[in-house]
Amino acid sequence: MRIYLADDTILHALRGTNIAVIVDAPDVRSLASDDATNASSSAAQAWVQANVQPYYPDVSIKYIAVGNEVEGDDRHKILLAMQNIKDALSAAGLGGHIKVSTSVKMNVVASSPLPSKGAFAEPSVMGPIVKFLASNGSPLLANVYPYYAYMHNDHMDVNFTLFLPSSMTMDDNGHTYTNLFDAMVDSIYSAMEKEGGPDVPVVISETGWPSADGRGASKDNAMVYNQNLISHVGKGTPKRPVALEAYMFAMFDENQKTGDPIEKHFGLFNPDKSPVYCINFSGTSDSCPRSMGLASRPVYYAMVIVCLNLVLLFWPANRL
């Protein structure tokens, strides 16, 4: 599960659940402003003391995501902020227990015709980040949305984005790609190889499909994408045929979100906790499983009442 703010209500509800959690540390500028190893009152140490130490290990915090899709001048501060959080974790005796990374969107990889040609658009920014991840055994967190590639390309076969049979297969260095998701993920792997990170894993920190208000956005397509994704991630990609850890965006529709209307419709659940459509996390049936109900689950109920969106972890953690 991923939470975008370290909210006490949610973290308290997660105590003892053994649900793996990504906790976002969004204020990159503040976290990069000082040296966590030397300043006892540093922003990074204060953040760890407030948002990690009171909960870990009762809450299974797996990753700290330092920034989400950071753009502008702050992208040059990501590495220092990550280092400061790592140092603050070490100072708290948690070094090595919780991995530090950042969450990027696909535009960090320059457009390329084949996954093997994947390269970072700004290697001066991403190269040092990849080396940090490699040296600390951390994954790169990536938000991967085949939907947006489909939305902006009138010639894209929707089946290629939905893990359905398509004429748009792609051959690349002996690897055959039958869906866009795999091609996108493997382009990230290729980009990291070029920056000295051949063994850095990718964790899919967001992926999903909208159910309304856009080209190809429907409940049927959203259900097909997410259900097929659940069945697919255990196989990995052609380049890395090992199980992918993936987080589905999002748990709830965001009916009060401003901006592009489509952004309101990525949830599995409505704000009233009823399912938008049915997903079976076991992959064994199209029926709506009992686990889709939230009313009897206090950890989920706490998440609803604080009005924060979340991402569901569905592989390889225990089923919810």
Protein backbone atom coordinates (compact mmCIF):
# COMPACT_ATOMS: atom_id res chain seq x y z
CA MET A 1 0.00 0.00 0.00
CA ARG A 2 1.17 3.53 -0.68
CA ILE A 3 0.23 6.68 1.21
CA TYR A 4 1.13 10.11 -0.11
CA LEU A 5 1.21 11.79 3.30
CA ALA A 6 2.43 10.27 6.56
CA ASP A 7 -0.96 10.53 8.23
CA ASP A 8 -1.15 9.41 11.87
CA THR A 9 -4.66 7.98 11.53
CA ILE A 10 -3.68 5.73 8.65
CA LEU A 11 -0.35 4.68 10.12
CA HIS A 12 -1.97 3.89 13.46
CA ALA A 13 -4.62 1.78 11.71
CA LEU A 14 -1.88 -0.16 9.91
CA ARG A 15 -0.20 -1.27 13.14
CA GLY A 16 0.13 -5.04 13.30
CA THR A 17 -1.44 -5.64 9.87
CA ASN A 18 1.79 -6.73 8.13
CA ILE A 19 0.71 -4.68 5.11
CA ALA A 20 3.81 -3.39 3.32
CA VAL A 21 3.69 0.39 2.94
CA ILE A 22 5.36 3.06 0.83
CA VAL A 23 5.33 6.35 2.72
CA ASP A 24 5.91 9.50 0.70
CA ALA A 25 8.16 12.29 1.94
CA PRO A 26 6.98 14.97 -0.49
CA ASP A 27 8.86 18.11 0.54
CA VAL A 28 12.07 17.55 -1.43
CA ARG A 29 13.22 21.15 -1.09
CA SER A 30 13.07 21.10 2.70
CA LEU A 31 14.59 17.64 3.02
CA ALA A 32 17.52 18.67 0.83
CA SER A 33 18.21 21.86 2.75
CA ASP A 34 20.53 20.43 5.38
CA ASP A 35 22.88 17.60 6.32
CA ALA A 36 21.00 15.02 8.34
CA THR A 37 24.23 13.53 9.73
CA ASN A 38 25.33 16.75 11.41
CA ALA A 39 22.19 18.72 12.24
CA SER A 40 20.15 17.18 15.05
CA SER A 41 17.26 19.45 14.15
CA SER A 42 17.46 18.84 10.41
CA ALA A 43 14.30 18.54 8.37
CA ALA A 44 15.15 14.96 7.40
CA GLN A 45 15.74 13.87 10.98
CA ALA A 46 12.60 15.65 12.11
CA TRP A 47 10.62 13.90 9.38
CA VAL A 48 11.95 10.46 10.36
CA GLN A 49 11.37 11.13 14.05
CA ALA A 50 7.77 12.20 13.40
CA ASN A 51 6.72 9.80 10.65
CA VAL A 52 8.81 6.63 10.95
CA GLN A 53 10.13 6.04 14.46
CA PRO A 54 6.74 6.15 16.23
CA TYR A 55 5.39 3.41 13.93
CA TYR A 56 8.15 1.12 12.72
CA PRO A 57 8.31 -1.89 13.04
CA ASP A 58 4.64 -2.19 14.11
CA VAL A 59 3.85 -0.68 10.72
CA SER A 60 5.69 -2.47 7.92
CA ILE A 61 7.18 0.60 6.24
CA LYS A 62 9.04 -0.81 3.26
CA TYR A 63 10.06 2.26 1.25
CA ILE A 64 10.31 6.00 1.70
CA ALA A 65 9.46 7.76 -1.57
CA VAL A 66 11.34 11.06 -1.50
CA GLY A 67 9.24 13.11 -3.89
CA ASN A 68 6.66 12.00 -6.42
CA GLU A 69 7.18 12.97 -10.07
CA VAL A 70 9.36 15.90 -9.04
CA GLU A 71 9.80 18.52 -11.76
CA GLY A 72 11.40 21.93 -12.17
CA ASP A 73 14.45 22.99 -10.20
CA ASP A 74 13.59 20.63 -7.35
CA ARG A 75 14.55 17.61 -9.46
CA HIS A 76 18.18 18.60 -8.87
CA LYS A 77 17.58 18.30 -5.12
CA ILE A 78 16.14 14.78 -5.11
CA LEU A 79 19.46 13.02 -4.57
CA LEU A 80 20.48 15.16 -1.60
CA ALA A 81 17.04 14.76 -0.04
CA MET A 82 17.29 10.98 -0.48
CA GLN A 83 20.74 10.95 1.09
CA ASN A 84 19.52 13.02 4.03
CA ILE A 85 16.58 10.69 4.67
CA LYS A 86 18.92 7.68 4.45
CA ASP A 87 21.31 9.28 6.93
CA ALA A 88 18.42 10.14 9.25
CA LEU A 89 17.21 6.54 9.14
CA SER A 90 20.73 5.33 9.95
CA ALA A 91 20.97 7.77 12.85
CA ALA A 92 17.72 6.30 14.17
CA GLY A 93 19.10 2.76 13.95
CA LEU A 94 16.92 1.91 10.95
CA GLY A 95 19.60 1.89 8.25
CA GLY A 96 19.06 -1.03 5.92
CA HIS A 97 15.60 -1.81 7.25
CA ILE A 98 13.72 0.76 5.16
CA LYS A 99 14.79 1.51 1.60
CA VAL A 100 14.93 5.07 0.29
CA SER A 101 13.96 5.92 -3.28
CA THR A 102 12.04 8.44 -5.35
CA SER A 103 8.98 8.00 -7.55
CA VAL A 104 9.33 9.03 -11.21
CA LYS A 105 6.99 9.19 -14.17
CA MET A 106 7.72 7.84 -17.61
CA ASN A 107 8.93 11.12 -19.07
CA VAL A 108 12.25 10.61 -17.29
CA VAL A 109 12.95 8.15 -20.13
CA ALA A 110 13.43 9.76 -23.53
CA SER A 111 11.16 8.57 -26.32
CA SER A 112 12.66 5.58 -28.09
CA PRO A 113 11.43 3.13 -30.73
CA LEU A 114 12.42 0.02 -28.75
CA PRO A 115 12.73 -0.83 -25.05
CA SER A 116 16.40 -1.73 -25.45
CA LYS A 117 17.07 1.84 -26.64
CA GLY A 118 15.65 3.34 -23.45
CA ALA A 119 17.78 6.16 -22.04
CA PHE A 120 17.14 8.86 -19.47
CA ALA A 121 16.16 12.25 -20.84
CA GLU A 122 18.35 13.90 -18.20
CA PRO A 123 21.20 11.54 -17.33
CA SER A 124 22.83 14.26 -15.23
CA VAL A 125 19.83 14.04 -12.88
CA MET A 126 18.96 10.36 -13.05
CA GLY A 127 22.47 8.91 -13.32
CA PRO A 128 23.52 9.84 -9.75
CA ILE A 129 20.12 8.72 -8.43
CA VAL A 130 20.55 5.31 -10.06
CA LYS A 131 24.03 4.98 -8.56
CA PHE A 132 22.61 5.85 -5.12
CA LEU A 133 19.93 3.18 -5.52
CA ALA A 134 22.48 0.61 -6.68
CA SER A 135 24.84 1.27 -3.79
CA ASN A 136 22.04 1.02 -1.23
CA GLY A 137 20.10 -1.93 -2.63
CA SER A 138 17.04 0.20 -3.30
CA PRO A 139 14.60 -0.01 -6.22
CA LEU A 140 13.55 2.79 -8.53
CA LEU A 141 9.89 3.60 -7.99
CA ALA A 142 8.15 4.26 -11.30
CA ASN A 143 4.62 5.42 -12.13
CA VAL A 144 3.74 3.51 -15.30
CA TYR A 145 0.52 4.33 -17.17
CA PRO A 146 -0.03 2.71 -20.58
CA TYR A 147 -3.35 4.56 -20.59
CA TYR A 148 -1.76 7.95 -21.18
CA ALA A 149 0.29 6.64 -24.10
CA TYR A 150 -2.94 5.32 -25.59
CA MET A 151 -4.85 8.54 -24.89
CA HIS A 152 -2.31 10.64 -26.80
CA ASN A 153 -1.86 8.26 -29.76
CA ASP A 154 -4.82 7.79 -32.10
CA HIS A 155 -3.03 4.90 -33.82
CA MET A 156 -2.48 2.87 -30.65
CA ASP A 157 -4.46 -0.38 -30.43
CA VAL A 158 -6.26 -0.34 -27.10
CA ASN A 159 -5.78 -4.10 -26.81
CA PHE A 160 -2.00 -3.59 -26.71
CA THR A 161 -2.47 -1.47 -23.58
CA LEU A 162 -5.00 -3.82 -21.93
CA PHE A 163 -2.90 -7.02 -22.07
CA LEU A 164 -5.25 -8.39 -24.75
CA PRO A 165 -4.30 -10.04 -28.08
CA SER A 166 -3.12 -7.35 -30.49
CA SER A 167 -1.45 -6.97 -33.87
CA MET A 168 0.91 -4.41 -32.30
CA THR A 169 3.50 -6.87 -31.03
CA MET A 170 7.10 -5.65 -30.89
CA ASP A 171 10.33 -7.61 -31.38
CA ASP A 172 13.49 -6.28 -29.75
CA ASN A 173 16.77 -8.16 -29.38
CA GLY A 174 15.06 -11.51 -29.13
CA HIS A 175 12.33 -10.27 -26.81
CA THR A 176 8.73 -10.15 -27.98
CA TYR A 177 6.46 -7.54 -26.44
CA THR A 178 2.74 -8.26 -26.50
CA ASN A 179 1.71 -5.32 -24.33
CA LEU A 180 2.78 -1.73 -23.77
CA PHE A 181 3.27 -2.10 -20.01
CA ASP A 182 6.21 -4.49 -20.47
CA ALA A 183 7.79 -2.26 -23.10
CA MET A 184 7.57 0.76 -20.81
CA VAL A 185 9.07 -1.05 -17.82
CA ASP A 186 11.90 -2.56 -19.87
CA SER A 187 12.78 0.86 -21.28
CA ILE A 188 13.40 1.94 -17.67
CA TYR A 189 15.61 -1.09 -17.08
CA SER A 190 17.57 -0.26 -20.23
CA ALA A 191 17.99 3.36 -19.13
CA MET A 192 19.31 2.27 -15.73
CA GLU A 193 21.77 -0.13 -17.34
CA LYS A 194 23.23 2.76 -19.30
CA GLU A 195 23.78 4.66 -16.02
CA GLY A 196 25.53 1.85 -14.16
CA GLY A 197 22.50 0.30 -12.50
CA PRO A 198 21.94 -3.03 -14.27
CA ASP A 199 20.75 -4.73 -11.09
CA VAL A 200 18.48 -1.98 -9.73
CA PRO A 201 14.93 -3.35 -9.63
CA VAL A 202 11.88 -1.38 -10.73
CA VAL A 203 8.90 -1.18 -8.40
CA ILE A 204 5.69 0.02 -10.05
CA SER A 205 4.64 2.69 -7.57
CA GLU A 206 1.52 3.63 -9.55
CA THR A 207 -0.40 2.13 -12.41
CA GLY A 208 -4.06 2.04 -13.32
CA TRP A 209 -6.80 2.91 -15.80
CA PRO A 210 -9.57 5.53 -15.50
CA SER A 211 -13.21 4.53 -15.53
CA ALA A 212 -14.68 7.76 -17.00
CA ASP A 213 -14.09 11.14 -18.67
CA GLY A 214 -11.48 10.26 -21.28
CA ARG A 215 -10.74 8.40 -24.51
CA GLY A 216 -11.01 4.70 -23.74
CA ALA A 217 -11.84 5.49 -20.11
CA SER A 218 -14.62 3.16 -19.01
CA LYS A 219 -15.43 0.80 -16.18
CA ASP A 220 -15.04 -2.16 -18.53
CA ASN A 221 -11.57 -1.12 -19.72
CA ALA A 222 -10.46 -0.22 -16.20
CA MET A 223 -11.56 -3.61 -14.94
CA VAL A 224 -9.86 -5.44 -17.82
CA TYR A 225 -6.59 -3.53 -17.39
CA ASN A 226 -6.36 -3.98 -13.65
CA GLN A 227 -7.51 -7.61 -13.65
CA ASN A 228 -5.06 -8.53 -16.41
CA LEU A 229 -2.32 -6.58 -14.66
CA ILE A 230 -2.83 -8.64 -11.51
CA SER A 231 -2.47 -11.82 -13.53
CA HIS A 232 0.54 -10.49 -15.44
CA VAL A 233 2.93 -8.96 -12.92
CA GLY A 234 3.94 -12.28 -11.42
CA LYS A 235 5.61 -13.14 -14.73
CA GLY A 236 7.77 -10.04 -14.92
CA THR A 237 8.82 -8.57 -18.28
CA PRO A 238 10.66 -10.04 -21.29
CA LYS A 239 13.89 -8.38 -20.12
CA ARG A 240 13.40 -9.28 -16.45
CA PRO A 241 11.16 -12.37 -16.16
CA VAL A 242 10.84 -12.15 -12.38
CA ALA A 243 7.81 -11.04 -10.39
CA LEU A 244 7.19 -7.31 -10.34
CA GLU A 245 6.09 -5.50 -7.21
CA ALA A 246 3.27 -3.22 -8.27
CA TYR A 247 0.90 -0.74 -6.65
CA MET A 248 -2.48 -0.07 -8.21
CA PHE A 249 -3.68 3.53 -8.41
CA ALA A 250 -5.96 4.07 -6.72
CA MET A 251 -8.09 2.83 -3.91
CA PHE A 252 -10.75 5.56 -4.18
CA ASP A 253 -12.20 7.83 -6.83
CA GLU A 254 -11.35 11.44 -5.97
CA ASN A 255 -14.61 13.27 -6.56
CA GLN A 256 -13.27 16.55 -5.16
CA LYS A 257 -10.01 16.57 -7.11
CA THR A 258 -9.48 19.61 -9.31
CA GLY A 259 -7.86 19.79 -12.73
CA ASP A 260 -8.34 17.25 -15.50
CA PRO A 261 -11.67 15.47 -14.82
CA ILE A 262 -10.15 12.12 -15.74
CA GLU A 263 -7.96 12.30 -12.63
CA LYS A 264 -11.06 11.78 -10.49
CA HIS A 265 -11.76 8.32 -11.87
CA PHE A 266 -8.85 5.96 -11.17
CA GLY A 267 -10.35 4.44 -8.01
CA LEU A 268 -11.47 0.90 -7.35
CA PHE A 269 -13.99 2.31 -4.88
CA ASN A 270 -16.37 5.23 -4.74
CA PRO A 271 -16.06 7.69 -1.85
CA ASP A 272 -19.01 5.87 -0.19
CA LYS A 273 -16.84 2.70 -0.15
CA SER A 274 -18.91 0.87 -2.80
CA PRO A 275 -16.91 -0.75 -5.65
CA VAL A 276 -16.65 1.18 -8.91
CA TYR A 277 -16.17 -2.22 -10.57
CA CYS A 278 -15.12 -5.63 -9.34
CA ILE A 279 -11.54 -6.86 -9.13
CA ASN A 280 -10.49 -10.27 -7.86
CA PHE A 281 -6.98 -10.19 -6.45
CA SER A 282 -6.74 -13.97 -6.58
CA GLY A 283 -7.26 -13.86 -10.35
CA THR A 284 -9.59 -16.88 -10.15
CA SER A 285 -12.99 -15.37 -10.89
CA ASP A 286 -14.76 -12.44 -12.46
CA SER A 287 -17.22 -12.31 -9.59
CA CYS A 288 -17.11 -9.54 -7.03
CA PRO A 289 -15.26 -11.05 -4.05
CA ARG A 290 -16.17 -10.38 -0.45
CA SER A 291 -12.81 -8.63 -0.02
CA MET A 292 -14.14 -5.81 -2.19
CA GLY A 293 -16.30 -4.69 0.74
CA LEU A 294 -14.75 -2.15 3.10
CA ALA A 295 -17.30 -1.55 5.84
CA SER A 296 -15.99 -4.31 8.12
CA ARG A 297 -12.33 -3.47 7.65
CA PRO A 298 -11.22 -0.87 10.20
CA VAL A 299 -7.89 -0.17 8.53
CA TYR A 300 -9.67 0.75 5.30
CA TYR A 301 -12.34 2.69 7.14
CA ALA A 302 -9.68 4.84 8.75
CA MET A 303 -8.32 5.56 5.29
CA VAL A 304 -11.73 6.62 4.06
CA ILE A 305 -12.48 9.03 6.87
CA VAL A 306 -9.24 10.99 6.50
CA CYS A 307 -10.01 11.57 2.79
CA LEU A 308 -6.56 10.56 1.53
CA ASN A 309 -6.11 8.49 -1.56
CA LEU A 310 -3.97 5.39 -1.52
CA VAL A 311 -2.50 2.78 -3.75
CA LEU A 312 -3.22 -0.89 -3.22
CA LEU A 313 -0.30 -3.30 -3.17
CA PHE A 314 -1.28 -6.53 -4.87
CA TRP A 315 2.01 -8.33 -5.54
CA PRO A 316 3.94 -9.94 -3.90
CA ALA A 317 2.50 -9.02 -0.48
CA ASN A 318 -0.18 -11.07 1.23
CA ARG A 319 -3.65 -10.55 -0.12
CA LEU A 320 -5.75 -8.07 1.78
